[in-house]
């Protein structure tokens, strides 16, 4: 597991989460730990090295 920090697309606070580098491509929704809004997370690993990360707001 790798810790990754990013800025919430809603409240702009710094958020930290653990990413599982054993799965090369992941896409899921996780709530911001600060403002509780849903964030769409997209992660790409290459040989367990993080090569892509996106955290986007969900259109409502």
N, C-alpha and C. Protein backbone atom coordinates (compact mmCIF):
# COMPACT_ATOMS: atom_id res chain seq x y z
N UNK A 1 0.85 -1.18 0.00
CA UNK A 1 0.00 0.00 0.00
C UNK A 1 0.89 1.24 0.00
N UNK A 2 0.48 2.21 -0.81
CA UNK A 2 1.21 3.47 -0.91
C UNK A 2 0.31 4.61 -0.46
N UNK A 3 0.83 5.53 0.34
CA UNK A 3 0.06 6.70 0.74
C UNK A 3 0.21 7.77 -0.33
N UNK A 4 -0.91 8.39 -0.70
CA UNK A 4 -0.90 9.44 -1.71
C UNK A 4 -1.74 10.61 -1.21
N UNK A 5 -1.25 11.82 -1.36
CA UNK A 5 -2.01 13.01 -0.98
C UNK A 5 -2.41 13.78 -2.23
N UNK A 6 -3.57 14.40 -2.16
CA UNK A 6 -4.10 15.18 -3.27
C UNK A 6 -5.06 16.23 -2.73
N UNK A 7 -5.50 17.13 -3.58
CA UNK A 7 -6.41 18.19 -3.19
C UNK A 7 -7.83 17.81 -3.58
N UNK A 8 -8.76 17.92 -2.64
CA UNK A 8 -10.16 17.61 -2.90
C UNK A 8 -10.70 18.59 -3.95
N UNK A 9 -11.41 18.09 -4.98
CA UNK A 9 -11.95 18.98 -6.01
C UNK A 9 -13.14 19.82 -5.55
N UNK A 10 -13.63 19.59 -4.33
CA UNK A 10 -14.75 20.36 -3.79
C UNK A 10 -14.28 21.42 -2.79
N UNK A 11 -13.59 20.98 -1.74
CA UNK A 11 -13.23 21.89 -0.64
C UNK A 11 -11.77 22.34 -0.69
N UNK A 12 -10.97 21.78 -1.59
CA UNK A 12 -9.56 22.12 -1.83
C UNK A 12 -8.65 21.78 -0.66
N UNK A 13 -9.15 21.01 0.30
CA UNK A 13 -8.30 20.55 1.41
C UNK A 13 -7.40 19.42 0.92
N UNK A 14 -6.26 19.26 1.56
CA UNK A 14 -5.37 18.16 1.25
C UNK A 14 -5.91 16.88 1.89
N UNK A 15 -6.04 15.85 1.08
CA UNK A 15 -6.60 14.57 1.51
C UNK A 15 -5.53 13.50 1.30
N UNK A 16 -5.44 12.55 2.21
CA UNK A 16 -4.49 11.46 2.11
C UNK A 16 -5.26 10.15 2.01
N UNK A 17 -4.80 9.26 1.12
CA UNK A 17 -5.42 7.94 1.05
C UNK A 17 -4.37 6.89 0.72
N UNK A 18 -4.69 5.65 1.07
CA UNK A 18 -3.81 4.53 0.76
C UNK A 18 -4.23 3.93 -0.56
N UNK A 19 -3.26 3.69 -1.45
CA UNK A 19 -3.51 3.10 -2.76
C UNK A 19 -2.87 1.72 -2.81
N UNK A 20 -3.59 0.76 -3.39
CA UNK A 20 -3.11 -0.61 -3.51
C UNK A 20 -2.35 -0.75 -4.83
N UNK A 21 -1.03 -0.78 -4.76
CA UNK A 21 -0.19 -0.84 -5.96
C UNK A 21 -0.17 -2.22 -6.62
N UNK A 22 -0.81 -3.22 -6.01
CA UNK A 22 -0.83 -4.55 -6.61
C UNK A 22 -1.88 -4.67 -7.73
N UNK A 23 -2.76 -3.66 -7.85
CA UNK A 23 -3.77 -3.62 -8.91
C UNK A 23 -3.39 -2.50 -9.86
N UNK A 24 -3.08 -2.83 -11.12
CA UNK A 24 -2.50 -1.84 -12.03
C UNK A 24 -3.46 -0.72 -12.44
N UNK A 25 -4.75 -1.01 -12.62
CA UNK A 25 -5.71 0.02 -12.99
C UNK A 25 -6.92 -0.05 -12.07
N UNK A 26 -7.28 1.11 -11.51
CA UNK A 26 -8.39 1.16 -10.57
C UNK A 26 -9.23 2.39 -10.84
N UNK A 27 -10.54 2.25 -10.65
CA UNK A 27 -11.44 3.40 -10.71
C UNK A 27 -12.55 3.15 -9.71
N UNK A 28 -12.75 4.11 -8.80
CA UNK A 28 -13.76 3.93 -7.77
C UNK A 28 -14.16 5.29 -7.22
N UNK A 29 -15.18 5.31 -6.39
CA UNK A 29 -15.66 6.54 -5.77
C UNK A 29 -15.41 6.44 -4.27
N UNK A 30 -14.84 7.52 -3.74
CA UNK A 30 -14.58 7.59 -2.31
C UNK A 30 -14.96 8.99 -1.82
N UNK A 31 -15.57 9.05 -0.64
CA UNK A 31 -15.96 10.35 -0.09
C UNK A 31 -14.75 11.07 0.49
N UNK A 32 -14.73 12.41 0.31
CA UNK A 32 -13.69 13.23 0.92
C UNK A 32 -13.79 13.11 2.44
N UNK A 33 -12.66 12.93 3.10
CA UNK A 33 -12.66 12.79 4.56
C UNK A 33 -12.93 14.12 5.26
N UNK A 34 -12.87 15.23 4.53
CA UNK A 34 -13.10 16.55 5.12
C UNK A 34 -14.54 17.01 4.88
N UNK A 35 -14.97 17.07 3.60
CA UNK A 35 -16.29 17.62 3.27
C UNK A 35 -17.34 16.56 2.93
N UNK A 36 -16.94 15.30 2.84
CA UNK A 36 -17.83 14.15 2.60
C UNK A 36 -18.45 14.10 1.20
N UNK A 37 -17.99 14.91 0.27
CA UNK A 37 -18.49 14.84 -1.10
C UNK A 37 -17.83 13.66 -1.83
N UNK A 38 -18.55 13.06 -2.80
CA UNK A 38 -18.00 11.90 -3.52
C UNK A 38 -16.96 12.33 -4.56
N UNK A 39 -15.83 11.64 -4.57
CA UNK A 39 -14.73 11.91 -5.50
C UNK A 39 -14.50 10.67 -6.34
N UNK A 40 -14.43 10.84 -7.67
CA UNK A 40 -14.10 9.73 -8.55
C UNK A 40 -12.58 9.63 -8.64
N UNK A 41 -12.05 8.51 -8.20
CA UNK A 41 -10.61 8.27 -8.16
C UNK A 41 -10.24 7.33 -9.30
N UNK A 42 -9.24 7.71 -10.10
CA UNK A 42 -8.70 6.86 -11.15
C UNK A 42 -7.21 6.74 -10.93
N UNK A 43 -6.71 5.51 -10.85
CA UNK A 43 -5.31 5.25 -10.51
C UNK A 43 -4.71 4.28 -11.53
N UNK A 44 -3.46 4.55 -11.93
CA UNK A 44 -2.72 3.65 -12.83
C UNK A 44 -1.33 3.40 -12.25
N UNK A 45 -0.98 2.13 -12.13
CA UNK A 45 0.35 1.73 -11.69
C UNK A 45 1.04 0.97 -12.81
N UNK A 46 2.34 1.12 -12.93
CA UNK A 46 3.16 0.34 -13.86
C UNK A 46 4.27 -0.28 -13.04
N UNK A 47 4.28 -1.61 -12.95
CA UNK A 47 5.24 -2.32 -12.09
C UNK A 47 5.22 -1.78 -10.66
N UNK A 48 4.03 -1.57 -10.15
CA UNK A 48 3.77 -1.08 -8.80
C UNK A 48 4.30 0.32 -8.53
N UNK A 49 4.55 1.09 -9.60
CA UNK A 49 4.94 2.50 -9.48
C UNK A 49 3.77 3.34 -9.98
N UNK A 50 3.34 4.31 -9.18
CA UNK A 50 2.22 5.17 -9.55
C UNK A 50 2.60 6.02 -10.76
N UNK A 51 1.86 5.86 -11.86
CA UNK A 51 2.14 6.64 -13.08
C UNK A 51 0.97 7.54 -13.45
N UNK A 52 -0.20 7.37 -12.82
CA UNK A 52 -1.34 8.22 -13.10
C UNK A 52 -2.31 8.26 -11.95
N UNK A 53 -2.77 9.47 -11.62
CA UNK A 53 -3.74 9.62 -10.54
C UNK A 53 -4.66 10.80 -10.88
N UNK A 54 -5.97 10.59 -10.79
CA UNK A 54 -6.94 11.66 -10.98
C UNK A 54 -7.96 11.59 -9.88
N UNK A 55 -8.34 12.76 -9.36
CA UNK A 55 -9.40 12.88 -8.38
C UNK A 55 -10.34 13.96 -8.90
N UNK A 56 -11.55 13.54 -9.33
CA UNK A 56 -12.48 14.46 -9.96
C UNK A 56 -13.81 14.51 -9.23
N UNK A 57 -14.43 15.68 -9.28
CA UNK A 57 -15.77 15.81 -8.71
C UNK A 57 -16.75 15.04 -9.59
N UNK A 58 -17.84 14.65 -8.99
CA UNK A 58 -18.88 13.90 -9.70
C UNK A 58 -20.01 14.88 -10.02
N UNK A 59 -20.39 14.95 -11.30
CA UNK A 59 -21.48 15.84 -11.72
C UNK A 59 -22.77 15.42 -11.03
N UNK A 60 -23.46 16.38 -10.45
CA UNK A 60 -24.71 16.06 -9.76
C UNK A 60 -25.85 16.85 -10.35
